[in-house]
Amino acid sequence: MAADPSAPTGSCPGAGVSLHLLGGFRLLHDDTPVVVPRGLQRVIALIGLRPGATRCELAGLLWPDAPEERALSSLRTALWRLRQDPCCPLEVSTDTVRLDPAVRLDVDELVGTAGRVRDGVCPRAAAGALAAGRHDLLPGWYDDWVLLERERLRQLRLHMLEQVAGQHLAAGRHGEALEAALEAMAAEPLRETPHRLVVRIHLAEGNAFEAVHAFYVYRDLLRRELRLEPSPAMCALLDDTLAPIRRASRDGAATPRRAPGHPARAPGGPARPASPSRRNA
C-alpha cells in the first residue's frame, strides 16, 4: 500500500482519510488516492463493513477455504503490511481490528442518512437522501460477505427513498415526492412499491391520466418480465378512477347489437313487423 507520489508525506493515521466502497474501492488521503493492492483492499473493505469483528471472524470471511491457523496467519501478514504505511486507516488491538474513528466511510454516511430519514429528526436529511448510496457496494466483487452487504444496503436505500416519497406526499409536496419515488423506481424497476407511490402521487395531484398511464406501464413491464400481475393493493388504487370506464364497458357489452336488416324485437314482445316498403320490395 502506498500513497500517490504527489501526496504530502508525514504521519496521518486517520486524519483526512476517507474510504469509499460504494461504486468501487477508493482510499483517499486529503482527496489524494492511496494505491492499495487488491488483496489488501479486501481486508480494509471487510474491516470497514464489520466494525469490531474479531480476528477469527475476519480471517474466516477472507479465507473461507483455508484452515483456521493458516487464515489467521494470512490476516496477520496483511495487517503487518498495512501498518507499514503511515496512512494506515486501521486500529489494531489484541483481538479486534477496526477503522480509525477519524476515517470517513461512505457506507456510514448512507446508513446515517437512512436513520435520520426514518426518525424524521432532520428535515435536511430528505434532501440528501436521493444521492446517498446511488452506486452499488463494491461492484464486480463476488465474495459472499460482499453480496450480503450489497443487498442489505440496496434494500436500506430503497426503503429510505420510499419513506422520503411518502413523507413528501403526506405534506403535499408532490414534486419532491415524485422525484424520490422515481429515484427508487430507477434503482429497482420491477419493485411495486415505488410504482404504487407514483400512482398515488398523480391521483393526489388530480392527474387521473398520469395515474392510469403509470399503472399500465408497470403492469405491462411486470407481464413482460415476470409474467405476473400487479398486486390487489396496486389495482385497488385505481378502482374509483377506472370504475366509470369499466361500468361503461360492461353496459356496452350487455346491450346486444342489431344486425343490419334484422327486425327489431320489442323487449318482452314479438318481433316488430317489417316496414311497408320492405314488405312490398
C-alpha atoms as a PDB file:
ATOM      1  CA  MET A   1       0.000   0.000   0.000  1.00  0.00           C
ATOM      2  CA  ALA A   2       1.428   3.366  -0.952  1.00  0.00           C
ATOM      3  CA  ALA A   3       0.238   6.910  -1.233  1.00  0.00           C
ATOM      4  CA  ASP A   4       0.301   8.697  -4.541  1.00  0.00           C
ATOM      5  CA  PRO A   5       3.794  10.181  -5.181  1.00  0.00           C
ATOM      6  CA  SER A   6       2.327  13.684  -5.206  1.00  0.00           C
ATOM      7  CA  ALA A   7       0.680  13.194  -1.806  1.00  0.00           C
ATOM      8  CA  PRO A   8       2.125  15.016   1.217  1.00  0.00           C
ATOM      9  CA  THR A   9       4.309  12.875   3.468  1.00  0.00           C
ATOM     10  CA  GLY A  10       4.255  12.523   7.218  1.00  0.00           C
ATOM     11  CA  SER A  11       2.213  10.782   9.867  1.00  0.00           C
ATOM     12  CA  CYS A  12      -1.501  10.771   9.116  1.00  0.00           C
ATOM     13  CA  PRO A  13      -3.282   7.852  10.790  1.00  0.00           C
ATOM     14  CA  GLY A  14      -6.963   8.556  10.150  1.00  0.00           C
ATOM     15  CA  ALA A  15      -6.531  12.286   9.661  1.00  0.00           C
ATOM     16  CA  GLY A  16      -8.036  13.420   6.374  1.00  0.00           C
ATOM     17  CA  VAL A  17      -8.558   9.810   5.284  1.00  0.00           C
ATOM     18  CA  SER A  18     -11.769   8.650   3.619  1.00  0.00           C
ATOM     19  CA  LEU A  19     -12.760   5.182   2.490  1.00  0.00           C
ATOM     20  CA  HIS A  20     -15.242   4.791  -0.368  1.00  0.00           C
ATOM     21  CA  LEU A  21     -16.821   1.411  -1.034  1.00  0.00           C
ATOM     22  CA  LEU A  22     -19.934   2.483  -2.965  1.00  0.00           C
ATOM     23  CA  GLY A  23     -19.211   2.440  -6.689  1.00  0.00           C
ATOM     24  CA  GLY A  24     -15.797   0.836  -6.163  1.00  0.00           C
ATOM     25  CA  PHE A  25     -12.905   0.789  -3.693  1.00  0.00           C
ATOM     26  CA  ARG A  26     -11.154   4.114  -3.151  1.00  0.00           C
ATOM     27  CA  LEU A  27      -8.947   5.127  -0.248  1.00  0.00           C
ATOM     28  CA  LEU A  28      -8.188   8.847  -0.181  1.00  0.00           C
ATOM     29  CA  HIS A  29      -5.896  10.992   1.921  1.00  0.00           C
ATOM     30  CA  ASP A  30      -6.827  14.656   1.605  1.00  0.00           C
ATOM     31  CA  ASP A  31      -8.588  13.754  -1.675  1.00  0.00           C
ATOM     32  CA  THR A  32      -5.396  12.136  -2.985  1.00  0.00           C
ATOM     33  CA  PRO A  33      -5.772   8.451  -3.959  1.00  0.00           C
ATOM     34  CA  VAL A  34      -3.790   5.909  -1.957  1.00  0.00           C
ATOM     35  CA  VAL A  35      -2.688   2.914  -4.024  1.00  0.00           C
ATOM     36  CA  VAL A  36      -3.770  -0.333  -2.336  1.00  0.00           C
ATOM     37  CA  PRO A  37      -3.161  -3.838  -3.767  1.00  0.00           C
ATOM     38  CA  ARG A  38      -6.350  -5.804  -4.430  1.00  0.00           C
ATOM     39  CA  GLY A  39      -5.660  -8.339  -1.678  1.00  0.00           C
ATOM     40  CA  LEU A  40      -5.292  -5.597   0.928  1.00  0.00           C
ATOM     41  CA  GLN A  41      -8.367  -3.819  -0.435  1.00  0.00           C
ATOM     42  CA  ARG A  42     -10.438  -6.837   0.613  1.00  0.00           C
ATOM     43  CA  VAL A  43      -9.034  -6.661   4.145  1.00  0.00           C
ATOM     44  CA  ILE A  44      -9.726  -2.926   4.531  1.00  0.00           C
ATOM     45  CA  ALA A  45     -13.199  -3.187   2.990  1.00  0.00           C
ATOM     46  CA  LEU A  46     -14.276  -6.046   5.270  1.00  0.00           C
ATOM     47  CA  ILE A  47     -12.953  -4.276   8.371  1.00  0.00           C
ATOM     48  CA  GLY A  48     -14.906  -1.165   7.345  1.00  0.00           C
ATOM     49  CA  LEU A  49     -18.114  -3.150   6.888  1.00  0.00           C
ATOM     50  CA  ARG A  50     -17.708  -5.267  10.054  1.00  0.00           C
ATOM     51  CA  PRO A  51     -16.602  -2.859  12.780  1.00  0.00           C
ATOM     52  CA  GLY A  52     -15.400  -4.624  15.877  1.00  0.00           C
ATOM     53  CA  ALA A  53     -15.159  -8.058  14.256  1.00  0.00           C
ATOM     54  CA  THR A  54     -12.674 -10.404  15.888  1.00  0.00           C
ATOM     55  CA  ARG A  55      -9.591 -11.631  14.069  1.00  0.00           C
ATOM     56  CA  CYS A  56     -11.089 -15.109  13.794  1.00  0.00           C
ATOM     57  CA  GLU A  57     -14.235 -13.725  12.178  1.00  0.00           C
ATOM     58  CA  LEU A  58     -12.266 -11.632   9.706  1.00  0.00           C
ATOM     59  CA  ALA A  59      -9.906 -14.470   8.813  1.00  0.00           C
ATOM     60  CA  GLY A  60     -12.817 -16.877   8.285  1.00  0.00           C
ATOM     61  CA  LEU A  61     -14.595 -14.474   5.913  1.00  0.00           C
ATOM     62  CA  LEU A  62     -11.483 -13.502   3.955  1.00  0.00           C
ATOM     63  CA  TRP A  63     -10.071 -17.021   3.578  1.00  0.00           C
ATOM     64  CA  PRO A  64     -13.100 -19.317   3.993  1.00  0.00           C
ATOM     65  CA  ASP A  65     -11.444 -22.344   2.385  1.00  0.00           C
ATOM     66  CA  ALA A  66      -8.235 -22.217   4.429  1.00  0.00           C
ATOM     67  CA  PRO A  67      -7.687 -23.898   7.820  1.00  0.00           C
ATOM     68  CA  GLU A  68      -8.152 -21.519  10.728  1.00  0.00           C
ATOM     69  CA  GLU A  69      -4.468 -21.223  11.620  1.00  0.00           C
ATOM     70  CA  ARG A  70      -3.474 -20.526   8.029  1.00  0.00           C
ATOM     71  CA  ALA A  71      -6.256 -17.949   7.651  1.00  0.00           C
ATOM     72  CA  LEU A  72      -5.163 -16.194  10.859  1.00  0.00           C
ATOM     73  CA  SER A  73      -1.543 -16.212   9.638  1.00  0.00           C
ATOM     74  CA  SER A  74      -2.635 -14.639   6.342  1.00  0.00           C
ATOM     75  CA  LEU A  75      -4.555 -11.957   8.266  1.00  0.00           C
ATOM     76  CA  ARG A  76      -1.522 -11.180  10.462  1.00  0.00           C
ATOM     77  CA  THR A  77       0.627 -10.767   7.358  1.00  0.00           C
ATOM     78  CA  ALA A  78      -1.937  -8.475   5.688  1.00  0.00           C
ATOM     79  CA  LEU A  79      -2.254  -6.315   8.813  1.00  0.00           C
ATOM     80  CA  TRP A  80       1.515  -6.050   9.138  1.00  0.00           C
ATOM     81  CA  ARG A  81       1.757  -4.860   5.517  1.00  0.00           C
ATOM     82  CA  LEU A  82      -0.993  -2.303   6.056  1.00  0.00           C
ATOM     83  CA  ARG A  83       0.571  -0.901   9.214  1.00  0.00           C
ATOM     84  CA  GLN A  84       3.851  -0.198   7.409  1.00  0.00           C
ATOM     85  CA  ASP A  85       2.121   2.693   5.661  1.00  0.00           C
ATOM     86  CA  PRO A  86       1.834   5.949   7.648  1.00  0.00           C
ATOM     87  CA  CYS A  87      -1.664   6.422   6.228  1.00  0.00           C
ATOM     88  CA  CYS A  88      -2.905   3.074   7.516  1.00  0.00           C
ATOM     89  CA  PRO A  89      -6.615   3.618   8.289  1.00  0.00           C
ATOM     90  CA  LEU A  90      -6.853   0.831  10.894  1.00  0.00           C
ATOM     91  CA  GLU A  91      -6.785   0.461  14.647  1.00  0.00           C
ATOM     92  CA  VAL A  92      -5.461  -2.939  15.709  1.00  0.00           C
ATOM     93  CA  SER A  93      -5.877  -4.385  19.213  1.00  0.00           C
ATOM     94  CA  THR A  94      -5.179  -7.828  20.638  1.00  0.00           C
ATOM     95  CA  ASP A  95      -8.307  -9.474  19.269  1.00  0.00           C
ATOM     96  CA  THR A  96     -10.149  -6.894  17.162  1.00  0.00           C
ATOM     97  CA  VAL A  97      -9.407  -4.679  14.186  1.00  0.00           C
ATOM     98  CA  ARG A  98     -11.441  -1.619  13.205  1.00  0.00           C
ATOM     99  CA  LEU A  99     -11.164   1.539  11.143  1.00  0.00           C
ATOM    100  CA  ASP A 100      -9.598   4.534  12.833  1.00  0.00           C
ATOM    101  CA  PRO A 101     -12.502   6.647  14.194  1.00  0.00           C
ATOM    102  CA  ALA A 102     -11.256   9.621  12.163  1.00  0.00           C
ATOM    103  CA  VAL A 103     -11.681   7.766   8.849  1.00  0.00           C
ATOM    104  CA  ARG A 104     -14.787   8.812   6.896  1.00  0.00           C
ATOM    105  CA  LEU A 105     -16.678   5.849   5.386  1.00  0.00           C
ATOM    106  CA  ASP A 106     -19.304   6.473   2.706  1.00  0.00           C
ATOM    107  CA  VAL A 107     -21.316   3.428   3.829  1.00  0.00           C
ATOM    108  CA  ASP A 108     -21.693   5.031   7.271  1.00  0.00           C
ATOM    109  CA  GLU A 109     -22.992   8.183   5.607  1.00  0.00           C
ATOM    110  CA  LEU A 110     -25.681   6.204   3.774  1.00  0.00           C
ATOM    111  CA  VAL A 111     -26.704   4.341   6.948  1.00  0.00           C
ATOM    112  CA  GLY A 112     -26.768   7.593   8.915  1.00  0.00           C
ATOM    113  CA  THR A 113     -28.913   9.355   6.312  1.00  0.00           C
ATOM    114  CA  ALA A 114     -31.364   6.455   6.266  1.00  0.00           C
ATOM    115  CA  GLY A 115     -31.599   6.574  10.066  1.00  0.00           C
ATOM    116  CA  ARG A 116     -32.294  10.311  10.097  1.00  0.00           C
ATOM    117  CA  VAL A 117     -34.982   9.911   7.424  1.00  0.00           C
ATOM    118  CA  ARG A 118     -36.571   7.069   9.383  1.00  0.00           C
ATOM    119  CA  ASP A 119     -36.605   9.038  12.626  1.00  0.00           C
ATOM    120  CA  GLY A 120     -37.663  12.291  10.947  1.00  0.00           C
ATOM    121  CA  VAL A 121     -35.298  14.272  13.167  1.00  0.00           C
ATOM    122  CA  CYS A 122     -33.533  16.179  10.398  1.00  0.00           C
ATOM    123  CA  PRO A 123     -35.569  17.822   7.608  1.00  0.00           C
ATOM    124  CA  ARG A 124     -32.405  18.263   5.560  1.00  0.00           C
ATOM    125  CA  ALA A 125     -31.799  14.504   5.533  1.00  0.00           C
ATOM    126  CA  ALA A 126     -34.525  14.039   2.908  1.00  0.00           C
ATOM    127  CA  ALA A 127     -32.730  16.426   0.558  1.00  0.00           C
ATOM    128  CA  GLY A 128     -29.531  14.351   0.662  1.00  0.00           C
ATOM    129  CA  ALA A 129     -31.286  11.003   0.514  1.00  0.00           C
ATOM    130  CA  LEU A 130     -31.669  10.939  -3.271  1.00  0.00           C
ATOM    131  CA  ALA A 131     -27.929  10.989  -3.931  1.00  0.00           C
ATOM    132  CA  ALA A 132     -26.927   8.828  -0.955  1.00  0.00           C
ATOM    133  CA  GLY A 133     -25.886   5.320  -1.949  1.00  0.00           C
ATOM    134  CA  ARG A 134     -26.728   5.743  -5.614  1.00  0.00           C
ATOM    135  CA  HIS A 135     -23.960   3.291  -6.553  1.00  0.00           C
ATOM    136  CA  ASP A 136     -23.736  -0.386  -5.579  1.00  0.00           C
ATOM    137  CA  LEU A 137     -21.333  -1.623  -2.954  1.00  0.00           C
ATOM    138  CA  LEU A 138     -18.041  -2.793  -4.484  1.00  0.00           C
ATOM    139  CA  PRO A 139     -19.352  -3.675  -7.969  1.00  0.00           C
ATOM    140  CA  GLY A 140     -17.500  -6.594  -9.530  1.00  0.00           C
ATOM    141  CA  TRP A 141     -16.717  -8.173  -6.145  1.00  0.00           C
ATOM    142  CA  TYR A 142     -18.438 -11.515  -5.520  1.00  0.00           C
ATOM    143  CA  ASP A 143     -17.299 -12.592  -2.056  1.00  0.00           C
ATOM    144  CA  ASP A 144     -20.221 -13.897  -0.011  1.00  0.00           C
ATOM    145  CA  TRP A 145     -19.835 -11.135   2.580  1.00  0.00           C
ATOM    146  CA  VAL A 146     -19.879  -8.505  -0.172  1.00  0.00           C
ATOM    147  CA  LEU A 147     -23.068  -9.906  -1.715  1.00  0.00           C
ATOM    148  CA  LEU A 148     -24.836  -9.880   1.657  1.00  0.00           C
ATOM    149  CA  GLU A 149     -23.800  -6.321   2.467  1.00  0.00           C
ATOM    150  CA  ARG A 150     -24.624  -5.137  -1.041  1.00  0.00           C
ATOM    151  CA  GLU A 151     -28.190  -6.421  -0.783  1.00  0.00           C
ATOM    152  CA  ARG A 152     -28.598  -5.029   2.733  1.00  0.00           C
ATOM    153  CA  LEU A 153     -27.552  -1.554   1.612  1.00  0.00           C
ATOM    154  CA  ARG A 154     -29.667  -1.755  -1.536  1.00  0.00           C
ATOM    155  CA  GLN A 155     -32.771  -2.559   0.490  1.00  0.00           C
ATOM    156  CA  LEU A 156     -31.892   0.136   3.023  1.00  0.00           C
ATOM    157  CA  ARG A 157     -31.705   2.754   0.262  1.00  0.00           C
ATOM    158  CA  LEU A 158     -34.938   1.629  -1.421  1.00  0.00           C
ATOM    159  CA  HIS A 159     -36.880   1.850   1.843  1.00  0.00           C
ATOM    160  CA  MET A 160     -35.293   5.234   2.575  1.00  0.00           C
ATOM    161  CA  LEU A 161     -36.350   6.657  -0.796  1.00  0.00           C
ATOM    162  CA  GLU A 162     -39.869   5.294  -0.429  1.00  0.00           C
ATOM    163  CA  GLN A 163     -40.120   6.808   3.036  1.00  0.00           C
ATOM    164  CA  VAL A 164     -38.951  10.171   1.707  1.00  0.00           C
ATOM    165  CA  ALA A 165     -41.571   9.987  -1.061  1.00  0.00           C
ATOM    166  CA  GLY A 166     -44.279   9.099   1.479  1.00  0.00           C
ATOM    167  CA  GLN A 167     -43.285  11.966   3.770  1.00  0.00           C
ATOM    168  CA  HIS A 168     -43.392  14.479   0.917  1.00  0.00           C
ATOM    169  CA  LEU A 169     -46.729  13.103  -0.281  1.00  0.00           C
ATOM    170  CA  ALA A 170     -48.258  13.440   3.190  1.00  0.00           C
ATOM    171  CA  ALA A 171     -47.041  17.048   3.325  1.00  0.00           C
ATOM    172  CA  GLY A 172     -48.490  17.855  -0.099  1.00  0.00           C
ATOM    173  CA  ARG A 173     -45.061  18.344  -1.729  1.00  0.00           C
ATOM    174  CA  HIS A 174     -45.950  16.340  -4.807  1.00  0.00           C
ATOM    175  CA  GLY A 175     -42.958  17.322  -6.937  1.00  0.00           C
ATOM    176  CA  GLU A 176     -40.449  16.227  -4.303  1.00  0.00           C
ATOM    177  CA  ALA A 177     -42.465  13.073  -3.629  1.00  0.00           C
ATOM    178  CA  LEU A 178     -42.455  12.137  -7.302  1.00  0.00           C
ATOM    179  CA  GLU A 179     -38.707  12.733  -7.577  1.00  0.00           C
ATOM    180  CA  ALA A 180     -37.964  10.372  -4.684  1.00  0.00           C
ATOM    181  CA  ALA A 181     -40.376   7.705  -5.975  1.00  0.00           C
ATOM    182  CA  LEU A 182     -38.826   7.848  -9.450  1.00  0.00           C
ATOM    183  CA  GLU A 183     -35.354   7.538  -7.929  1.00  0.00           C
ATOM    184  CA  ALA A 184     -36.464   4.354  -6.155  1.00  0.00           C
ATOM    185  CA  MET A 185     -38.074   3.114  -9.367  1.00  0.00           C
ATOM    186  CA  ALA A 186     -34.816   3.629 -11.268  1.00  0.00           C
ATOM    187  CA  ALA A 187     -32.939   1.641  -8.627  1.00  0.00           C
ATOM    188  CA  GLU A 188     -35.309  -1.334  -8.961  1.00  0.00           C
ATOM    189  CA  PRO A 189     -37.746  -1.098 -11.908  1.00  0.00           C
ATOM    190  CA  LEU A 190     -39.696  -4.270 -11.030  1.00  0.00           C
ATOM    191  CA  ARG A 191     -40.342  -3.339  -7.392  1.00  0.00           C
ATOM    192  CA  GLU A 192     -44.015  -2.483  -6.980  1.00  0.00           C
ATOM    193  CA  THR A 193     -43.820  -0.087  -4.047  1.00  0.00           C
ATOM    194  CA  PRO A 194     -42.339   2.908  -5.901  1.00  0.00           C
ATOM    195  CA  HIS A 195     -44.766   2.397  -8.796  1.00  0.00           C
ATOM    196  CA  ARG A 196     -47.613   2.393  -6.290  1.00  0.00           C
ATOM    197  CA  LEU A 197     -46.302   5.649  -4.847  1.00  0.00           C
ATOM    198  CA  VAL A 198     -46.159   7.224  -8.299  1.00  0.00           C
ATOM    199  CA  VAL A 199     -49.822   6.325  -8.907  1.00  0.00           C
ATOM    200  CA  ARG A 200     -50.809   7.751  -5.505  1.00  0.00           C
ATOM    201  CA  ILE A 201     -48.909  10.977  -6.166  1.00  0.00           C
ATOM    202  CA  HIS A 202     -50.590  11.512  -9.533  1.00  0.00           C
ATOM    203  CA  LEU A 203     -54.014  10.851  -8.001  1.00  0.00           C
ATOM    204  CA  ALA A 204     -53.279  13.318  -5.187  1.00  0.00           C
ATOM    205  CA  GLU A 205     -52.488  15.936  -7.817  1.00  0.00           C
ATOM    206  CA  GLY A 206     -55.705  15.131  -9.687  1.00  0.00           C
ATOM    207  CA  ASN A 207     -53.855  13.769 -12.721  1.00  0.00           C
ATOM    208  CA  ALA A 208     -56.012  10.735 -13.481  1.00  0.00           C
ATOM    209  CA  PHE A 209     -54.446  10.185 -16.908  1.00  0.00           C
ATOM    210  CA  GLU A 210     -50.920  10.119 -15.465  1.00  0.00           C
ATOM    211  CA  ALA A 211     -52.015   7.708 -12.736  1.00  0.00           C
ATOM    212  CA  VAL A 212     -53.673   5.305 -15.184  1.00  0.00           C
ATOM    213  CA  HIS A 213     -50.704   5.548 -17.558  1.00  0.00           C
ATOM    214  CA  ALA A 214     -48.232   4.765 -14.756  1.00  0.00           C
ATOM    215  CA  PHE A 215     -50.327   1.767 -13.714  1.00  0.00           C
ATOM    216  CA  TYR A 216     -50.470   0.234 -17.193  1.00  0.00           C
ATOM    217  CA  VAL A 217     -46.765   0.872 -17.850  1.00  0.00           C
ATOM    218  CA  TYR A 218     -45.941  -1.117 -14.718  1.00  0.00           C
ATOM    219  CA  ARG A 219     -48.497  -3.826 -15.496  1.00  0.00           C
ATOM    220  CA  ASP A 220     -47.047  -4.344 -18.979  1.00  0.00           C
ATOM    221  CA  LEU A 221     -43.485  -4.407 -17.600  1.00  0.00           C
ATOM    222  CA  LEU A 222     -44.443  -6.988 -14.981  1.00  0.00           C
ATOM    223  CA  ARG A 223     -46.216  -9.188 -17.524  1.00  0.00           C
ATOM    224  CA  ARG A 224     -43.317  -8.999 -19.952  1.00  0.00           C
ATOM    225  CA  GLU A 225     -40.512  -9.638 -17.477  1.00  0.00           C
ATOM    226  CA  LEU A 226     -42.083 -11.954 -14.882  1.00  0.00           C
ATOM    227  CA  ARG A 227     -45.474 -12.975 -16.302  1.00  0.00           C
ATOM    228  CA  LEU A 228     -47.109 -11.599 -13.172  1.00  0.00           C
ATOM    229  CA  GLU A 229     -49.950  -9.185 -12.481  1.00  0.00           C
ATOM    230  CA  PRO A 230     -49.879  -6.166 -10.140  1.00  0.00           C
ATOM    231  CA  SER A 231     -50.994  -6.886  -6.594  1.00  0.00           C
ATOM    232  CA  PRO A 232     -54.569  -6.285  -5.422  1.00  0.00           C
ATOM    233  CA  ALA A 233     -53.282  -3.309  -3.409  1.00  0.00           C
ATOM    234  CA  MET A 234     -51.909  -1.739  -6.599  1.00  0.00           C
ATOM    235  CA  CYS A 235     -55.115  -2.388  -8.542  1.00  0.00           C
ATOM    236  CA  ALA A 236     -57.262  -1.008  -5.720  1.00  0.00           C
ATOM    237  CA  LEU A 237     -55.617   2.408  -6.061  1.00  0.00           C
ATOM    238  CA  LEU A 238     -57.417   2.955  -9.363  1.00  0.00           C
ATOM    239  CA  ASP A 239     -60.766   1.352  -8.555  1.00  0.00           C
ATOM    240  CA  ASP A 240     -62.580   4.684  -8.223  1.00  0.00           C
ATOM    241  CA  THR A 241     -60.818   6.201 -11.228  1.00  0.00           C
ATOM    242  CA  LEU A 242     -61.491   3.262 -13.532  1.00  0.00           C
ATOM    243  CA  ALA A 243     -64.997   2.463 -12.239  1.00  0.00           C
ATOM    244  CA  PRO A 244     -66.830   4.649 -14.833  1.00  0.00           C
ATOM    245  CA  ILE A 245     -64.770   3.147 -17.669  1.00  0.00           C
ATOM    246  CA  ARG A 246     -65.415  -0.408 -16.507  1.00  0.00           C
ATOM    247  CA  ARG A 247     -69.118   0.339 -15.999  1.00  0.00           C
ATOM    248  CA  ALA A 248     -69.398   1.759 -19.493  1.00  0.00           C
ATOM    249  CA  SER A 249     -67.609  -1.272 -20.928  1.00  0.00           C
ATOM    250  CA  ARG A 250     -69.974  -3.653 -19.120  1.00  0.00           C
ATOM    251  CA  ASP A 251     -73.021  -1.711 -20.264  1.00  0.00           C
ATOM    252  CA  GLY A 252     -71.778  -1.740 -23.836  1.00  0.00           C
ATOM    253  CA  ALA A 253     -71.195  -5.469 -23.732  1.00  0.00           C
ATOM    254  CA  ALA A 254     -74.633  -6.127 -22.234  1.00  0.00           C
ATOM    255  CA  THR A 255     -76.509  -4.207 -24.978  1.00  0.00           C
ATOM    256  CA  PRO A 256     -76.981  -6.532 -27.997  1.00  0.00           C
ATOM    257  CA  ARG A 257     -76.184  -5.079 -31.367  1.00  0.00           C
ATOM    258  CA  ARG A 258     -78.911  -5.461 -34.016  1.00  0.00           C
ATOM    259  CA  ALA A 259     -77.640  -6.901 -37.250  1.00  0.00           C
ATOM    260  CA  PRO A 260     -78.471  -4.814 -40.360  1.00  0.00           C
ATOM    261  CA  GLY A 261     -81.865  -5.772 -41.776  1.00  0.00           C
ATOM    262  CA  HIS A 262     -82.806  -7.838 -38.720  1.00  0.00           C
ATOM    263  CA  PRO A 263     -86.289  -6.984 -37.407  1.00  0.00           C
ATOM    264  CA  ALA A 264     -86.165  -5.312 -34.044  1.00  0.00           C
ATOM    265  CA  ARG A 265     -87.850  -7.089 -31.156  1.00  0.00           C
ATOM    266  CA  ALA A 266     -89.581  -5.106 -28.514  1.00  0.00           C
ATOM    267  CA  PRO A 267     -88.458  -6.031 -25.041  1.00  0.00           C
ATOM    268  CA  GLY A 268     -90.530  -8.983 -23.900  1.00  0.00           C
ATOM    269  CA  GLY A 269     -92.736  -8.973 -27.021  1.00  0.00           C
ATOM    270  CA  PRO A 270     -92.946 -10.352 -30.556  1.00  0.00           C
ATOM    271  CA  ALA A 271     -90.822  -9.185 -33.422  1.00  0.00           C
ATOM    272  CA  ARG A 272     -91.777  -5.830 -34.864  1.00  0.00           C
ATOM    273  CA  PRO A 273     -93.258  -6.210 -38.395  1.00  0.00           C
ATOM    274  CA  ALA A 274     -91.151  -5.010 -41.264  1.00  0.00           C
ATOM    275  CA  SER A 275     -91.905  -1.614 -42.747  1.00  0.00           C
ATOM    276  CA  PRO A 276     -94.315  -1.491 -45.694  1.00  0.00           C
ATOM    277  CA  SER A 277     -91.602  -0.552 -48.092  1.00  0.00           C
ATOM    278  CA  ARG A 278     -89.619  -3.666 -47.165  1.00  0.00           C
ATOM    279  CA  ARG A 279     -92.768  -5.840 -47.273  1.00  0.00           C
ATOM    280  CA  ASN A 280     -93.533  -4.782 -50.857  1.00  0.00           C
ATOM    281  CA  ALA A 281     -89.933  -4.976 -52.004  1.00  0.00           C
END
